[in-house]
Amino acid sequence: MNITITAFERSPDGGKGLARDTRVRWALEETGQPYGVRLVSFAAMKEPAHRRLHPFGQIPTYEEGDLVLFETGAIVLHIAERHAGLLPDDAGARARAVMWMFAALNTVEPPILELQTAKFTEGDKPWTAERLPLVKDRIRHRLGELSVRLGDAEWLAGTFSAGDLMMVSVLLRSRPSGILDEFPSLAAYVARGEARPAYQRAFAAQLAVNAGPSLAG
């Protein structure tokens, strides 16, 4: 069945690979699955037609026949379970790869997103100046723990897996703050993920959308 995902008509990051559709594109590229992309504007994301796919009016969504999914963790896990390339064959190793997917989304990403909220959504609030250092310290704490666990390993649980795909995607969102560079082993880990041909194709596809002429213009 044909796969269609949704993505920003114009990404807030200008095509730097931080929008969440990049994670899904990457998973599809790693598993060799062709897909189509339906671009949506910020206004269209809040329309009833899109909310039937994503009740919270966000992107990406994933459509495959009668199956409709939202949330990148669920989408990437679905892709990984259906197609070879992102989960090991051994049951224990598969479980560990999935564990790292959850760790990326539930443990590492929240403080990174909190920093973005503090800077861009609540930047004009009187408490922001005091809050920002606290949030940055929470990110450093999590990245420090992750750095210790990774050690000098190439990937988190043996070979590259969906857990690494999700973790690298999350860590990329900490790069603009400069915090990622404070942890050389994690910065190198992210660079290894970015160097994968599948990631390069996913990144280029997202960048091409944002580098082209406006669809609304």
N, C-alpha and C. Protein backbone atom coordinates (compact mmCIF):
# COMPACT_ATOMS: atom_id res chain seq x y z
N MET A 1 0.83 -1.19 0.00
CA MET A 1 0.00 0.00 0.00
C MET A 1 0.87 1.24 0.00
N ASN A 2 0.41 2.31 -0.63
CA ASN A 2 1.15 3.55 -0.67
C ASN A 2 1.16 4.22 0.70
N ILE A 3 2.31 4.79 1.04
CA ILE A 3 2.47 5.50 2.30
C ILE A 3 2.49 7.00 2.02
N THR A 4 1.72 7.75 2.80
CA THR A 4 1.71 9.21 2.70
C THR A 4 1.91 9.80 4.09
N ILE A 5 2.82 10.74 4.20
CA ILE A 5 3.00 11.45 5.46
C ILE A 5 2.68 12.92 5.23
N THR A 6 2.41 13.62 6.32
CA THR A 6 2.21 15.07 6.22
C THR A 6 3.43 15.77 6.81
N ALA A 7 3.69 16.97 6.28
CA ALA A 7 4.82 17.78 6.74
C ALA A 7 4.44 19.25 6.60
N PHE A 8 5.21 20.10 7.26
CA PHE A 8 4.98 21.54 7.16
C PHE A 8 5.17 22.01 5.73
N GLU A 9 4.25 22.85 5.28
CA GLU A 9 4.45 23.55 4.01
C GLU A 9 5.68 24.45 4.11
N ARG A 10 5.86 25.06 5.25
CA ARG A 10 7.06 25.85 5.56
C ARG A 10 7.43 25.53 7.01
N SER A 11 8.56 24.85 7.19
CA SER A 11 8.96 24.43 8.52
C SER A 11 9.49 25.61 9.34
N PRO A 12 9.16 25.67 10.62
CA PRO A 12 9.68 26.76 11.46
C PRO A 12 11.20 26.80 11.53
N ASP A 13 11.85 25.65 11.31
CA ASP A 13 13.31 25.62 11.39
C ASP A 13 13.98 25.90 10.05
N GLY A 14 13.18 26.17 9.02
CA GLY A 14 13.74 26.48 7.71
C GLY A 14 14.39 25.31 7.00
N GLY A 15 14.04 24.09 7.41
CA GLY A 15 14.58 22.91 6.75
C GLY A 15 15.87 22.38 7.34
N LYS A 16 16.09 22.62 8.63
CA LYS A 16 17.31 22.15 9.28
C LYS A 16 17.19 20.74 9.86
N GLY A 17 16.08 20.08 9.58
CA GLY A 17 15.91 18.71 10.02
C GLY A 17 15.36 18.56 11.42
N LEU A 18 14.90 19.65 12.03
CA LEU A 18 14.40 19.58 13.39
C LEU A 18 12.91 19.28 13.46
N ALA A 19 12.18 19.52 12.39
CA ALA A 19 10.75 19.21 12.37
C ALA A 19 10.58 17.70 12.46
N ARG A 20 9.52 17.27 13.11
CA ARG A 20 9.37 15.85 13.42
C ARG A 20 9.10 14.97 12.20
N ASP A 21 8.69 15.54 11.09
CA ASP A 21 8.53 14.68 9.92
C ASP A 21 9.87 14.10 9.47
N THR A 22 10.98 14.76 9.83
CA THR A 22 12.30 14.25 9.45
C THR A 22 12.53 12.88 10.06
N ARG A 23 12.04 12.65 11.27
CA ARG A 23 12.22 11.35 11.92
C ARG A 23 11.52 10.25 11.12
N VAL A 24 10.33 10.55 10.67
CA VAL A 24 9.57 9.56 9.91
C VAL A 24 10.20 9.35 8.54
N ARG A 25 10.61 10.44 7.89
CA ARG A 25 11.31 10.31 6.60
C ARG A 25 12.55 9.42 6.77
N TRP A 26 13.31 9.65 7.83
CA TRP A 26 14.53 8.89 8.08
C TRP A 26 14.22 7.40 8.24
N ALA A 27 13.19 7.09 9.03
CA ALA A 27 12.81 5.69 9.23
C ALA A 27 12.42 5.03 7.91
N LEU A 28 11.68 5.74 7.09
CA LEU A 28 11.27 5.19 5.80
C LEU A 28 12.47 5.00 4.88
N GLU A 29 13.41 5.93 4.94
CA GLU A 29 14.61 5.79 4.12
C GLU A 29 15.48 4.63 4.60
N GLU A 30 15.61 4.46 5.91
CA GLU A 30 16.41 3.36 6.44
C GLU A 30 15.84 2.00 6.04
N THR A 31 14.53 1.91 5.93
CA THR A 31 13.89 0.64 5.61
C THR A 31 13.57 0.50 4.13
N GLY A 32 13.94 1.51 3.35
CA GLY A 32 13.77 1.43 1.90
C GLY A 32 12.33 1.50 1.43
N GLN A 33 11.49 2.24 2.15
CA GLN A 33 10.08 2.32 1.79
C GLN A 33 9.78 3.62 1.05
N PRO A 34 9.20 3.54 -0.14
CA PRO A 34 8.80 4.76 -0.85
C PRO A 34 7.61 5.41 -0.15
N TYR A 35 7.53 6.71 -0.26
CA TYR A 35 6.43 7.41 0.42
C TYR A 35 6.15 8.72 -0.30
N GLY A 36 4.95 9.20 -0.11
CA GLY A 36 4.57 10.50 -0.61
C GLY A 36 4.40 11.47 0.55
N VAL A 37 4.45 12.75 0.26
CA VAL A 37 4.33 13.78 1.29
C VAL A 37 3.23 14.76 0.90
N ARG A 38 2.32 14.99 1.82
CA ARG A 38 1.30 16.02 1.63
C ARG A 38 1.65 17.19 2.55
N LEU A 39 1.96 18.33 1.94
CA LEU A 39 2.36 19.50 2.70
C LEU A 39 1.14 20.27 3.19
N VAL A 40 1.20 20.70 4.44
CA VAL A 40 0.07 21.43 5.03
C VAL A 40 0.56 22.73 5.64
N SER A 41 -0.24 23.75 5.52
CA SER A 41 0.07 25.05 6.12
C SER A 41 -0.32 25.02 7.60
N PHE A 42 0.11 26.04 8.33
CA PHE A 42 -0.26 26.12 9.74
C PHE A 42 -1.77 26.25 9.89
N ALA A 43 -2.41 26.95 8.98
CA ALA A 43 -3.86 27.09 9.04
C ALA A 43 -4.54 25.76 8.76
N ALA A 44 -4.05 25.05 7.74
CA ALA A 44 -4.67 23.77 7.38
C ALA A 44 -4.51 22.73 8.48
N MET A 45 -3.46 22.83 9.27
CA MET A 45 -3.24 21.88 10.36
C MET A 45 -4.36 21.93 11.39
N LYS A 46 -5.03 23.06 11.49
CA LYS A 46 -6.09 23.22 12.48
C LYS A 46 -7.48 22.99 11.89
N GLU A 47 -7.54 22.71 10.61
CA GLU A 47 -8.82 22.46 9.95
C GLU A 47 -9.34 21.06 10.30
N PRO A 48 -10.67 20.87 10.24
CA PRO A 48 -11.25 19.56 10.57
C PRO A 48 -10.66 18.41 9.77
N ALA A 49 -10.34 18.64 8.50
CA ALA A 49 -9.82 17.55 7.67
C ALA A 49 -8.52 17.00 8.24
N HIS A 50 -7.64 17.90 8.67
CA HIS A 50 -6.37 17.43 9.24
C HIS A 50 -6.57 16.89 10.64
N ARG A 51 -7.45 17.49 11.42
CA ARG A 51 -7.69 17.02 12.78
C ARG A 51 -8.29 15.61 12.81
N ARG A 52 -8.90 15.20 11.72
CA ARG A 52 -9.37 13.82 11.67
C ARG A 52 -8.19 12.85 11.62
N LEU A 53 -7.06 13.33 11.10
CA LEU A 53 -5.85 12.53 11.08
C LEU A 53 -5.05 12.70 12.37
N HIS A 54 -4.98 13.92 12.84
CA HIS A 54 -4.20 14.25 14.04
C HIS A 54 -5.08 15.13 14.93
N PRO A 55 -5.65 14.58 16.00
CA PRO A 55 -6.60 15.34 16.82
C PRO A 55 -6.02 16.58 17.46
N PHE A 56 -4.69 16.67 17.54
CA PHE A 56 -4.06 17.84 18.17
C PHE A 56 -3.58 18.86 17.14
N GLY A 57 -3.88 18.62 15.88
CA GLY A 57 -3.55 19.58 14.84
C GLY A 57 -2.08 19.80 14.62
N GLN A 58 -1.31 18.72 14.61
CA GLN A 58 0.13 18.82 14.42
C GLN A 58 0.56 17.93 13.25
N ILE A 59 1.87 17.91 13.01
CA ILE A 59 2.45 17.00 12.02
C ILE A 59 3.57 16.24 12.71
N PRO A 60 3.96 15.09 12.19
CA PRO A 60 3.47 14.46 10.97
C PRO A 60 2.31 13.52 11.24
N THR A 61 1.65 13.11 10.19
CA THR A 61 0.73 11.98 10.24
C THR A 61 1.22 10.95 9.23
N TYR A 62 0.70 9.75 9.36
CA TYR A 62 1.13 8.63 8.52
C TYR A 62 -0.12 7.90 8.05
N GLU A 63 -0.26 7.77 6.75
CA GLU A 63 -1.40 7.05 6.18
C GLU A 63 -0.90 5.91 5.31
N GLU A 64 -1.46 4.76 5.52
CA GLU A 64 -1.12 3.57 4.75
C GLU A 64 -2.41 2.74 4.59
N GLY A 65 -3.09 2.90 3.47
CA GLY A 65 -4.39 2.27 3.31
C GLY A 65 -5.37 2.84 4.32
N ASP A 66 -5.99 1.97 5.09
CA ASP A 66 -6.95 2.40 6.11
C ASP A 66 -6.28 2.79 7.43
N LEU A 67 -4.99 2.58 7.52
CA LEU A 67 -4.27 2.88 8.75
C LEU A 67 -3.84 4.34 8.78
N VAL A 68 -4.19 5.03 9.86
CA VAL A 68 -3.77 6.41 10.08
C VAL A 68 -3.12 6.50 11.45
N LEU A 69 -1.90 7.02 11.49
CA LEU A 69 -1.17 7.16 12.74
C LEU A 69 -0.70 8.59 12.93
N PHE A 70 -0.57 8.99 14.18
CA PHE A 70 0.13 10.23 14.53
C PHE A 70 1.05 9.90 15.69
N GLU A 71 1.91 10.83 16.07
CA GLU A 71 2.97 10.68 17.07
C GLU A 71 4.15 9.93 16.44
N THR A 72 5.30 10.59 16.39
CA THR A 72 6.45 10.02 15.71
C THR A 72 6.93 8.71 16.32
N GLY A 73 6.82 8.59 17.64
CA GLY A 73 7.24 7.34 18.26
C GLY A 73 6.42 6.16 17.75
N ALA A 74 5.11 6.35 17.68
CA ALA A 74 4.23 5.28 17.20
C ALA A 74 4.47 4.99 15.73
N ILE A 75 4.69 6.05 14.95
CA ILE A 75 4.90 5.87 13.51
C ILE A 75 6.22 5.14 13.25
N VAL A 76 7.29 5.59 13.89
CA VAL A 76 8.60 4.96 13.67
C VAL A 76 8.58 3.51 14.15
N LEU A 77 7.93 3.24 15.28
CA LEU A 77 7.85 1.87 15.78
C LEU A 77 7.08 1.00 14.79
N HIS A 78 5.99 1.52 14.24
CA HIS A 78 5.22 0.77 13.24
C HIS A 78 6.09 0.43 12.03
N ILE A 79 6.82 1.41 11.54
CA ILE A 79 7.70 1.19 10.38
C ILE A 79 8.76 0.15 10.73
N ALA A 80 9.36 0.28 11.90
CA ALA A 80 10.44 -0.62 12.31
C ALA A 80 9.95 -2.05 12.48
N GLU A 81 8.73 -2.21 12.96
CA GLU A 81 8.20 -3.55 13.17
C GLU A 81 7.79 -4.22 11.86
N ARG A 82 7.44 -3.43 10.88
CA ARG A 82 6.95 -3.99 9.62
C ARG A 82 8.05 -4.23 8.60
N HIS A 83 9.15 -3.49 8.73
CA HIS A 83 10.18 -3.55 7.70
C HIS A 83 11.55 -3.72 8.34
N ALA A 84 12.39 -4.52 7.71
CA ALA A 84 13.73 -4.78 8.24
C ALA A 84 14.61 -3.53 8.17
N GLY A 85 15.51 -3.44 9.15
CA GLY A 85 16.49 -2.37 9.11
C GLY A 85 16.59 -1.53 10.36
N LEU A 86 15.57 -1.56 11.22
CA LEU A 86 15.58 -0.68 12.39
C LEU A 86 15.44 -1.42 13.73
N LEU A 87 15.15 -2.72 13.69
CA LEU A 87 15.05 -3.49 14.91
C LEU A 87 15.81 -4.81 14.73
N PRO A 88 16.57 -5.23 15.74
CA PRO A 88 17.29 -6.50 15.65
C PRO A 88 16.32 -7.68 15.62
N ASP A 89 16.81 -8.81 15.17
CA ASP A 89 15.99 -10.03 15.15
C ASP A 89 15.81 -10.62 16.54
N ASP A 90 16.85 -10.55 17.36
CA ASP A 90 16.78 -11.10 18.71
C ASP A 90 15.75 -10.35 19.55
N ALA A 91 14.90 -11.09 20.25
CA ALA A 91 13.80 -10.47 21.01
C ALA A 91 14.31 -9.51 22.08
N GLY A 92 15.35 -9.91 22.80
CA GLY A 92 15.89 -9.04 23.84
C GLY A 92 16.48 -7.77 23.28
N ALA A 93 17.21 -7.90 22.18
CA ALA A 93 17.81 -6.73 21.54
C ALA A 93 16.73 -5.80 20.99
N ARG A 94 15.65 -6.39 20.47
CA ARG A 94 14.53 -5.57 19.98
C ARG A 94 13.93 -4.77 21.12
N ALA A 95 13.74 -5.44 22.26
CA ALA A 95 13.16 -4.76 23.42
C ALA A 95 14.03 -3.61 23.89
N ARG A 96 15.35 -3.81 23.85
CA ARG A 96 16.25 -2.73 24.26
C ARG A 96 16.21 -1.57 23.28
N ALA A 97 16.09 -1.87 21.99
CA ALA A 97 15.99 -0.80 21.00
C ALA A 97 14.73 0.03 21.23
N VAL A 98 13.62 -0.66 21.50
CA VAL A 98 12.36 0.05 21.78
C VAL A 98 12.48 0.85 23.07
N MET A 99 13.17 0.29 24.06
CA MET A 99 13.39 1.01 25.32
C MET A 99 14.06 2.35 25.07
N TRP A 100 15.07 2.36 24.18
CA TRP A 100 15.77 3.61 23.91
C TRP A 100 14.89 4.59 23.14
N MET A 101 13.97 4.09 22.35
CA MET A 101 13.00 4.99 21.71
C MET A 101 12.19 5.73 22.77
N PHE A 102 11.71 4.97 23.76
CA PHE A 102 10.92 5.59 24.83
C PHE A 102 11.77 6.53 25.66
N ALA A 103 13.03 6.15 25.91
CA ALA A 103 13.91 7.02 26.68
C ALA A 103 14.14 8.35 25.98
N ALA A 104 14.31 8.28 24.66
CA ALA A 104 14.51 9.51 23.89
C ALA A 104 13.32 10.44 24.03
N LEU A 105 12.12 9.90 23.88
CA LEU A 105 10.92 10.73 23.85
C LEU A 105 10.44 11.13 25.25
N ASN A 106 10.59 10.24 26.23
CA ASN A 106 10.01 10.49 27.55
C ASN A 106 10.98 11.05 28.57
N THR A 107 12.28 10.83 28.37
CA THR A 107 13.26 11.26 29.37
C THR A 107 14.18 12.36 28.87
N VAL A 108 14.67 12.23 27.64
CA VAL A 108 15.65 13.19 27.13
C VAL A 108 14.98 14.39 26.47
N GLU A 109 13.93 14.17 25.71
CA GLU A 109 13.33 15.27 24.95
C GLU A 109 12.58 16.31 25.79
N PRO A 110 11.87 15.93 26.87
CA PRO A 110 11.07 16.93 27.59
C PRO A 110 11.82 18.19 28.02
N PRO A 111 12.99 18.10 28.66
CA PRO A 111 13.67 19.35 29.04
C PRO A 111 14.15 20.15 27.84
N ILE A 112 14.48 19.46 26.72
CA ILE A 112 14.89 20.17 25.51
C ILE A 112 13.72 20.98 24.96
N LEU A 113 12.54 20.38 24.96
CA LEU A 113 11.35 21.10 24.51
C LEU A 113 10.98 22.22 25.47
N GLU A 114 11.23 21.99 26.76
CA GLU A 114 10.94 23.03 27.75
C GLU A 114 11.78 24.27 27.50
N LEU A 115 13.02 24.06 27.07
CA LEU A 115 13.89 25.20 26.77
C LEU A 115 13.33 25.98 25.58
N GLN A 116 12.87 25.29 24.57
CA GLN A 116 12.30 25.96 23.41
C GLN A 116 11.06 26.76 23.80
N THR A 117 10.24 26.19 24.67
CA THR A 117 9.06 26.91 25.14
C THR A 117 9.46 28.16 25.92
N ALA A 118 10.43 27.99 26.81
CA ALA A 118 10.87 29.12 27.63
C ALA A 118 11.44 30.26 26.80
N LYS A 119 12.15 29.91 25.72
CA LYS A 119 12.80 30.94 24.91
C LYS A 119 11.85 31.60 23.91
N PHE A 120 11.04 30.78 23.24
CA PHE A 120 10.28 31.29 22.11
C PHE A 120 8.81 31.56 22.40
N THR A 121 8.23 30.81 23.31
CA THR A 121 6.81 31.01 23.62
C THR A 121 6.62 31.90 24.84
N GLU A 122 7.53 31.78 25.81
CA GLU A 122 7.40 32.54 27.05
C GLU A 122 8.56 33.51 27.25
N GLY A 123 9.24 33.83 26.15
CA GLY A 123 10.42 34.68 26.25
C GLY A 123 10.17 36.07 26.80
N ASP A 124 8.93 36.54 26.70
CA ASP A 124 8.61 37.88 27.19
C ASP A 124 8.08 37.88 28.62
N LYS A 125 8.05 36.72 29.26
CA LYS A 125 7.53 36.63 30.63
C LYS A 125 8.58 37.09 31.64
N PRO A 126 8.14 37.64 32.76
CA PRO A 126 9.11 38.17 33.74
C PRO A 126 9.99 37.10 34.38
N TRP A 127 9.54 35.85 34.38
CA TRP A 127 10.32 34.80 35.02
C TRP A 127 11.33 34.13 34.09
N THR A 128 11.34 34.50 32.83
CA THR A 128 12.17 33.79 31.85
C THR A 128 13.65 33.85 32.19
N ALA A 129 14.16 35.00 32.57
CA ALA A 129 15.59 35.14 32.84
C ALA A 129 16.06 34.18 33.94
N GLU A 130 15.20 33.96 34.95
CA GLU A 130 15.56 33.05 36.03
C GLU A 130 15.32 31.59 35.63
N ARG A 131 14.34 31.37 34.79
CA ARG A 131 13.97 30.00 34.42
C ARG A 131 14.97 29.37 33.46
N LEU A 132 15.46 30.13 32.50
CA LEU A 132 16.32 29.57 31.46
C LEU A 132 17.53 28.80 32.01
N PRO A 133 18.29 29.36 32.96
CA PRO A 133 19.44 28.60 33.47
C PRO A 133 19.03 27.28 34.13
N LEU A 134 17.87 27.25 34.78
CA LEU A 134 17.40 26.03 35.42
C LEU A 134 17.07 24.96 34.38
N VAL A 135 16.41 25.38 33.32
CA VAL A 135 16.05 24.44 32.26
C VAL A 135 17.31 23.91 31.58
N LYS A 136 18.26 24.78 31.32
CA LYS A 136 19.50 24.35 30.68
C LYS A 136 20.25 23.35 31.56
N ASP A 137 20.21 23.56 32.87
CA ASP A 137 20.86 22.62 33.77
C ASP A 137 20.17 21.26 33.75
N ARG A 138 18.85 21.26 33.59
CA ARG A 138 18.14 19.98 33.50
C ARG A 138 18.55 19.23 32.23
N ILE A 139 18.74 19.98 31.15
CA ILE A 139 19.20 19.34 29.91
C ILE A 139 20.60 18.77 30.12
N ARG A 140 21.48 19.56 30.71
CA ARG A 140 22.85 19.09 30.95
C ARG A 140 22.87 17.83 31.82
N HIS A 141 21.99 17.79 32.80
CA HIS A 141 21.92 16.63 33.68
C HIS A 141 21.57 15.38 32.87
N ARG A 142 20.54 15.48 32.03
CA ARG A 142 20.12 14.34 31.22
C ARG A 142 21.20 13.93 30.22
N LEU A 143 21.79 14.92 29.55
CA LEU A 143 22.81 14.59 28.56
C LEU A 143 24.05 14.01 29.23
N GLY A 144 24.34 14.46 30.43
CA GLY A 144 25.47 13.89 31.16
C GLY A 144 25.24 12.42 31.46
N GLU A 145 24.03 12.08 31.89
CA GLU A 145 23.70 10.68 32.17
C GLU A 145 23.77 9.84 30.90
N LEU A 146 23.23 10.38 29.82
CA LEU A 146 23.25 9.66 28.55
C LEU A 146 24.68 9.46 28.06
N SER A 147 25.51 10.48 28.23
CA SER A 147 26.90 10.39 27.80
C SER A 147 27.64 9.28 28.53
N VAL A 148 27.38 9.17 29.82
CA VAL A 148 28.01 8.11 30.61
C VAL A 148 27.57 6.74 30.10
N ARG A 149 26.28 6.60 29.84
CA ARG A 149 25.77 5.31 29.37
C ARG A 149 26.32 4.95 27.98
N LEU A 150 26.40 5.92 27.10
CA LEU A 150 26.92 5.65 25.76
C LEU A 150 28.39 5.27 25.82
N GLY A 151 29.14 5.97 26.66
CA GLY A 151 30.57 5.70 26.77
C GLY A 151 31.27 5.89 25.43
N ASP A 152 32.08 4.91 25.06
CA ASP A 152 32.77 4.99 23.77
C ASP A 152 32.13 4.09 22.72
N ALA A 153 30.89 3.66 22.99
CA ALA A 153 30.17 2.82 22.04
C ALA A 153 29.74 3.63 20.82
N GLU A 154 29.57 2.94 19.72
CA GLU A 154 29.12 3.62 18.51
C GLU A 154 27.64 3.93 18.58
N TRP A 155 26.86 2.97 19.04
CA TRP A 155 25.40 3.12 19.16
C TRP A 155 24.97 2.68 20.55
N LEU A 156 23.74 2.94 20.91
CA LEU A 156 23.27 2.73 22.28
C LEU A 156 23.14 1.26 22.66
N ALA A 157 22.76 0.43 21.72
CA ALA A 157 22.50 -0.98 22.06
C ALA A 157 23.03 -1.91 20.97
N GLY A 158 24.31 -1.80 20.69
CA GLY A 158 24.89 -2.65 19.67
C GLY A 158 24.86 -1.99 18.31
N THR A 159 24.09 -2.57 17.39
CA THR A 159 23.99 -2.00 16.05
C THR A 159 22.98 -0.86 16.03
N PHE A 160 23.06 -0.03 14.99
CA PHE A 160 22.13 1.08 14.82
C PHE A 160 20.70 0.55 14.80
N SER A 161 19.80 1.25 15.49
CA SER A 161 18.41 0.81 15.59
C SER A 161 17.48 2.00 15.64
N ALA A 162 16.19 1.71 15.73
CA ALA A 162 15.19 2.77 15.88
C ALA A 162 15.43 3.58 17.14
N GLY A 163 16.03 2.97 18.15
CA GLY A 163 16.36 3.72 19.37
C GLY A 163 17.36 4.81 19.09
N ASP A 164 18.37 4.52 18.28
CA ASP A 164 19.36 5.53 17.91
C ASP A 164 18.74 6.59 17.00
N LEU A 165 17.91 6.15 16.07
CA LEU A 165 17.25 7.11 15.17
C LEU A 165 16.49 8.15 15.98
N MET A 166 15.74 7.68 16.97
CA MET A 166 14.95 8.60 17.76
C MET A 166 15.82 9.46 18.68
N MET A 167 16.85 8.84 19.27
CA MET A 167 17.70 9.60 20.18
C MET A 167 18.48 10.68 19.44
N VAL A 168 19.04 10.34 18.29
CA VAL A 168 19.77 11.34 17.49
C VAL A 168 18.84 12.48 17.10
N SER A 169 17.61 12.14 16.70
CA SER A 169 16.65 13.17 16.31
C SER A 169 16.34 14.11 17.46
N VAL A 170 16.23 13.55 18.65
CA VAL A 170 15.96 14.37 19.84
C VAL A 170 17.16 15.24 20.18
N LEU A 171 18.35 14.65 20.17
CA LEU A 171 19.55 15.41 20.52
C LEU A 171 19.82 16.54 19.55
N LEU A 172 19.46 16.37 18.31
CA LEU A 172 19.63 17.44 17.32
C LEU A 172 18.93 18.72 17.75
N ARG A 173 17.84 18.57 18.48
CA ARG A 173 17.08 19.75 18.91
C ARG A 173 17.80 20.52 20.01
N SER A 174 18.82 19.90 20.60
CA SER A 174 19.60 20.61 21.63
C SER A 174 20.81 21.33 21.05
N ARG A 175 21.08 21.09 19.77
CA ARG A 175 22.27 21.70 19.15
C ARG A 175 22.20 23.22 19.10
N PRO A 176 21.06 23.83 18.70
CA PRO A 176 21.04 25.30 18.61
C PRO A 176 21.39 26.01 19.91
N SER A 177 21.12 25.38 21.05
CA SER A 177 21.44 26.01 22.34
C SER A 177 22.93 25.95 22.65
N GLY A 178 23.67 25.09 21.94
CA GLY A 178 25.09 24.92 22.22
C GLY A 178 25.38 23.87 23.27
N ILE A 179 24.34 23.35 23.91
CA ILE A 179 24.54 22.40 25.00
C ILE A 179 25.09 21.07 24.49
N LEU A 180 24.64 20.65 23.32
CA LEU A 180 25.11 19.37 22.78
C LEU A 180 26.63 19.36 22.66
N ASP A 181 27.22 20.47 22.25
CA ASP A 181 28.67 20.53 22.05
C ASP A 181 29.45 20.44 23.36
N GLU A 182 28.76 20.57 24.48
CA GLU A 182 29.42 20.41 25.77
C GLU A 182 29.70 18.94 26.08
N PHE A 183 29.13 18.05 25.27
CA PHE A 183 29.29 16.61 25.48
C PHE A 183 29.84 16.00 24.19
N PRO A 184 31.17 16.00 24.05
CA PRO A 184 31.79 15.58 22.78
C PRO A 184 31.36 14.19 22.31
N SER A 185 31.19 13.24 23.24
CA SER A 185 30.81 11.90 22.80
C SER A 185 29.41 11.89 22.21
N LEU A 186 28.51 12.71 22.75
CA LEU A 186 27.16 12.80 22.20
C LEU A 186 27.16 13.55 20.88
N ALA A 187 27.96 14.60 20.79
CA ALA A 187 28.06 15.34 19.52
C ALA A 187 28.57 14.42 18.42
N ALA A 188 29.53 13.56 18.75
CA ALA A 188 30.06 12.61 17.77
C ALA A 188 29.01 11.55 17.42
N TYR A 189 28.25 11.14 18.40
CA TYR A 189 27.16 10.17 18.20
C TYR A 189 26.13 10.74 17.23
N VAL A 190 25.75 11.99 17.44
CA VAL A 190 24.79 12.65 16.55
C VAL A 190 25.38 12.76 15.14
N ALA A 191 26.65 13.11 15.05
CA ALA A 191 27.30 13.23 13.75
C ALA A 191 27.30 11.90 13.00
N ARG A 192 27.45 10.80 13.74
CA ARG A 192 27.38 9.48 13.09
C ARG A 192 25.99 9.23 12.52
N GLY A 193 24.98 9.64 13.27
CA GLY A 193 23.62 9.49 12.76
C GLY A 193 23.39 10.33 11.52
N GLU A 194 23.86 11.57 11.55
CA GLU A 194 23.69 12.47 10.40
C GLU A 194 24.44 11.98 9.17
N ALA A 195 25.50 11.22 9.39
CA ALA A 195 26.31 10.75 8.27
C ALA A 195 25.69 9.56 7.55
N ARG A 196 24.67 8.95 8.14
CA ARG A 196 24.05 7.81 7.50
C ARG A 196 23.35 8.25 6.20
N PRO A 197 23.53 7.50 5.13
CA PRO A 197 22.91 7.89 3.85
C PRO A 197 21.41 8.09 3.94
N ALA A 198 20.74 7.26 4.73
CA ALA A 198 19.29 7.39 4.86
C ALA A 198 18.92 8.73 5.50
N TYR A 199 19.69 9.15 6.51
CA TYR A 199 19.43 10.47 7.12
C TYR A 199 19.69 11.57 6.11
N GLN A 200 20.76 11.45 5.36
CA GLN A 200 21.08 12.47 4.36
C GLN A 200 19.94 12.64 3.36
N ARG A 201 19.35 11.53 2.94
CA ARG A 201 18.23 11.62 1.99
C ARG A 201 17.02 12.27 2.65
N ALA A 202 16.74 11.90 3.89
CA ALA A 202 15.60 12.49 4.60
C ALA A 202 15.79 13.99 4.80
N PHE A 203 17.00 14.37 5.20
CA PHE A 203 17.31 15.78 5.43
C PHE A 203 17.16 16.56 4.13
N ALA A 204 17.71 16.03 3.05
CA ALA A 204 17.66 16.72 1.76
C ALA A 204 16.23 16.90 1.29
N ALA A 205 15.40 15.91 1.53
CA ALA A 205 14.00 16.00 1.11
C ALA A 205 13.27 17.09 1.86
N GLN A 206 13.54 17.18 3.17
CA GLN A 206 12.87 18.22 3.95
C GLN A 206 13.41 19.59 3.60
N LEU A 207 14.72 19.69 3.39
CA LEU A 207 15.33 20.97 3.03
C LEU A 207 14.80 21.46 1.68
N ALA A 208 14.61 20.55 0.74
CA ALA A 208 14.14 20.94 -0.60
C ALA A 208 12.79 21.63 -0.54
N VAL A 209 11.94 21.18 0.35
CA VAL A 209 10.62 21.79 0.50
C VAL A 209 10.76 23.24 0.96
N ASN A 210 11.64 23.46 1.91
CA ASN A 210 11.79 24.79 2.50
C ASN A 210 12.65 25.72 1.67
N ALA A 211 13.47 25.14 0.78
CA ALA A 211 14.32 25.97 -0.06
C ALA A 211 13.60 26.41 -1.33
N GLY A 212 12.50 25.73 -1.67
CA GLY A 212 11.77 26.05 -2.89
C GLY A 212 10.86 27.25 -2.72
N PRO A 213 10.19 27.67 -3.79
CA PRO A 213 9.26 28.79 -3.71
C PRO A 213 8.07 28.46 -2.83
N SER A 214 7.54 29.46 -2.18
CA SER A 214 6.38 29.26 -1.29
C SER A 214 5.21 28.73 -2.09
N LEU A 215 4.55 27.71 -1.54
CA LEU A 215 3.39 27.14 -2.21
C LEU A 215 2.21 28.10 -2.16
N ALA A 216 2.26 29.00 -1.21
CA ALA A 216 1.14 29.93 -1.07
C ALA A 216 1.35 31.20 -1.89
N GLY A 217 2.59 31.36 -2.38
CA GLY A 217 2.92 32.61 -3.06
C GLY A 217 2.59 32.61 -4.52
